Structure formats: structure tokens, C-alpha cells
Amino acid sequence: MINPKRLMEFKRLRDEFAQRHPKFTMFLDAASKEGVQEGSVIEIQITSPEGKTLCSNLRVSQEDLELLNTLKHLGHTPKL
């Protein structure tokens, strides 16, 4: 069972993150309108201040969609 206090903390942190990074929030909104489907590829890249880059991707499975849909309903996150 989800701890309501932790859920409220998650919502606060999510809202603060959205205020600091509005372009990322707009990206998630656009992605949610298109919808993530089985077979979609999600890629993420991180570049350190020194310029070192880490990149990874995954092909979305049906089981992944179940997780994304569960996360979507926590704290009113954008639908994926």
C-alpha cells in the first residue's frame, strides 16, 4: 500500500521539478499526446559537466507499459 505522506512528498517534488524544468515537462506532455506504444524506443543521454556522455535506450514491452501506466496515475504524472 502506498504511504499517503510519501505520495504527497512525491507530488511536491514533482511540482518543484516541473517549475525548474518547464521544457522537459512540455516534452513529456507532447510525448503523452503521441502515446508510447509497445515497440517504441526510449533513449536517455546524460552529459557530465566535464563532457563525458552516457547513453542508453530500451524498446518498450507490454510489461513496461504496465509500469508506465501505473506511474502515470501516481501524483497525476503525464500519460505515456
C-alpha atoms as a PDB file:
ATOM      1  CA  MET A   1       0.000   0.000   0.000  1.00  0.00           C
ATOM      2  CA  ILE A   2       1.205   3.497  -0.823  1.00  0.00           C
ATOM      3  CA  ASN A   3       2.070   5.718   2.107  1.00  0.00           C
ATOM      4  CA  PRO A   4      -0.058   8.907   1.685  1.00  0.00           C
ATOM      5  CA  LYS A   5       2.672  11.046   3.268  1.00  0.00           C
ATOM      6  CA  ARG A   6       5.223   9.796   0.728  1.00  0.00           C
ATOM      7  CA  LEU A   7       2.762  10.330  -2.107  1.00  0.00           C
ATOM      8  CA  MET A   8       2.279  13.961  -1.030  1.00  0.00           C
ATOM      9  CA  GLU A   9       6.065  14.399  -0.852  1.00  0.00           C
ATOM     10  CA  PHE A  10       6.394  12.888  -4.332  1.00  0.00           C
ATOM     11  CA  LYS A  11       3.781  15.320  -5.673  1.00  0.00           C
ATOM     12  CA  ARG A  12       5.582  18.306  -4.098  1.00  0.00           C
ATOM     13  CA  LEU A  13       8.929  17.228  -5.535  1.00  0.00           C
ATOM     14  CA  ARG A  14       7.364  16.578  -8.951  1.00  0.00           C
ATOM     15  CA  ASP A  15       5.756  20.026  -8.973  1.00  0.00           C
ATOM     16  CA  GLU A  16       9.033  21.714  -7.990  1.00  0.00           C
ATOM     17  CA  PHE A  17      10.880  19.763 -10.695  1.00  0.00           C
ATOM     18  CA  ALA A  18       8.304  20.896 -13.284  1.00  0.00           C
ATOM     19  CA  GLN A  19       8.827  24.523 -12.251  1.00  0.00           C
ATOM     20  CA  ARG A  20      12.612  24.232 -12.602  1.00  0.00           C
ATOM     21  CA  HIS A  21      12.451  22.348 -15.918  1.00  0.00           C
ATOM     22  CA  PRO A  22       9.388  23.535 -17.871  1.00  0.00           C
ATOM     23  CA  LYS A  23      10.769  22.425 -21.255  1.00  0.00           C
ATOM     24  CA  PHE A  24      11.134  18.860 -20.012  1.00  0.00           C
ATOM     25  CA  THR A  25       7.572  18.950 -18.724  1.00  0.00           C
ATOM     26  CA  MET A  26       6.403  20.208 -22.138  1.00  0.00           C
ATOM     27  CA  PHE A  27       8.327  17.345 -23.751  1.00  0.00           C
ATOM     28  CA  LEU A  28       6.573  14.807 -21.511  1.00  0.00           C
ATOM     29  CA  ASP A  29       3.211  16.375 -22.334  1.00  0.00           C
ATOM     30  CA  ALA A  30       3.948  16.123 -26.079  1.00  0.00           C
ATOM     31  CA  ALA A  31       5.098  12.507 -25.686  1.00  0.00           C
ATOM     32  CA  SER A  32       1.933  11.676 -23.772  1.00  0.00           C
ATOM     33  CA  LYS A  33      -0.231  13.061 -26.577  1.00  0.00           C
ATOM     34  CA  GLU A  34       1.577  10.859 -29.101  1.00  0.00           C
ATOM     35  CA  GLY A  35       1.487   7.907 -26.724  1.00  0.00           C
ATOM     36  CA  VAL A  36       4.173   5.359 -26.018  1.00  0.00           C
ATOM     37  CA  GLN A  37       3.343   2.031 -27.589  1.00  0.00           C
ATOM     38  CA  GLU A  38       4.816  -1.421 -27.416  1.00  0.00           C
ATOM     39  CA  GLY A  39       7.880  -1.394 -29.657  1.00  0.00           C
ATOM     40  CA  SER A  40       8.620   2.323 -29.078  1.00  0.00           C
ATOM     41  CA  VAL A  41      12.233   3.147 -28.215  1.00  0.00           C
ATOM     42  CA  ILE A  42      13.013   5.387 -25.235  1.00  0.00           C
ATOM     43  CA  GLU A  43      16.516   6.831 -25.164  1.00  0.00           C
ATOM     44  CA  ILE A  44      18.223   8.881 -22.483  1.00  0.00           C
ATOM     45  CA  GLN A  45      21.574  10.653 -22.557  1.00  0.00           C
ATOM     46  CA  ILE A  46      23.466  12.245 -19.686  1.00  0.00           C
ATOM     47  CA  THR A  47      26.379  14.615 -20.236  1.00  0.00           C
ATOM     48  CA  SER A  48      28.526  15.456 -17.211  1.00  0.00           C
ATOM     49  CA  PRO A  49      29.909  18.970 -16.679  1.00  0.00           C
ATOM     50  CA  GLU A  50      33.254  17.573 -17.906  1.00  0.00           C
ATOM     51  CA  GLY A  51      31.642  16.472 -21.189  1.00  0.00           C
ATOM     52  CA  LYS A  52      31.517  12.728 -20.503  1.00  0.00           C
ATOM     53  CA  THR A  53      28.420  11.201 -22.110  1.00  0.00           C
ATOM     54  CA  LEU A  54      26.406   8.172 -21.058  1.00  0.00           C
ATOM     55  CA  CYS A  55      23.572   6.990 -23.265  1.00  0.00           C
ATOM     56  CA  SER A  56      21.138   4.097 -23.107  1.00  0.00           C
ATOM     57  CA  ASN A  57      17.860   3.081 -24.691  1.00  0.00           C
ATOM     58  CA  LEU A  58      15.165   0.468 -24.356  1.00  0.00           C
ATOM     59  CA  ARG A  59      12.452  -0.969 -26.561  1.00  0.00           C
ATOM     60  CA  VAL A  60       9.133  -0.759 -24.708  1.00  0.00           C
ATOM     61  CA  SER A  61       7.446  -4.089 -23.944  1.00  0.00           C
ATOM     62  CA  GLN A  62       3.866  -4.729 -22.822  1.00  0.00           C
ATOM     63  CA  GLU A  63       5.141  -5.214 -19.257  1.00  0.00           C
ATOM     64  CA  ASP A  64       6.894  -1.825 -19.452  1.00  0.00           C
ATOM     65  CA  LEU A  65       3.603  -0.209 -20.464  1.00  0.00           C
ATOM     66  CA  GLU A  66       2.002  -1.612 -17.320  1.00  0.00           C
ATOM     67  CA  LEU A  67       4.676   0.110 -15.200  1.00  0.00           C
ATOM     68  CA  LEU A  68       4.375   3.383 -17.136  1.00  0.00           C
ATOM     69  CA  ASN A  69       0.600   3.367 -16.751  1.00  0.00           C
ATOM     70  CA  THR A  70       0.939   2.750 -13.008  1.00  0.00           C
ATOM     71  CA  LEU A  71       3.396   5.651 -12.694  1.00  0.00           C
ATOM     72  CA  LYS A  72       1.079   7.817 -14.781  1.00  0.00           C
ATOM     73  CA  HIS A  73      -1.612   7.552 -12.123  1.00  0.00           C
ATOM     74  CA  LEU A  74       0.700   8.431  -9.211  1.00  0.00           C
ATOM     75  CA  GLY A  75       0.602  12.116  -8.406  1.00  0.00           C
ATOM     76  CA  HIS A  76      -1.044  12.982 -11.766  1.00  0.00           C
ATOM     77  CA  THR A  77       2.032  12.424 -13.917  1.00  0.00           C
ATOM     78  CA  PRO A  78       1.697  12.852 -17.694  1.00  0.00           C
ATOM     79  CA  LYS A  79       0.300   9.827 -19.511  1.00  0.00           C
ATOM     80  CA  LEU A  80       2.868   7.956 -21.563  1.00  0.00           C
END
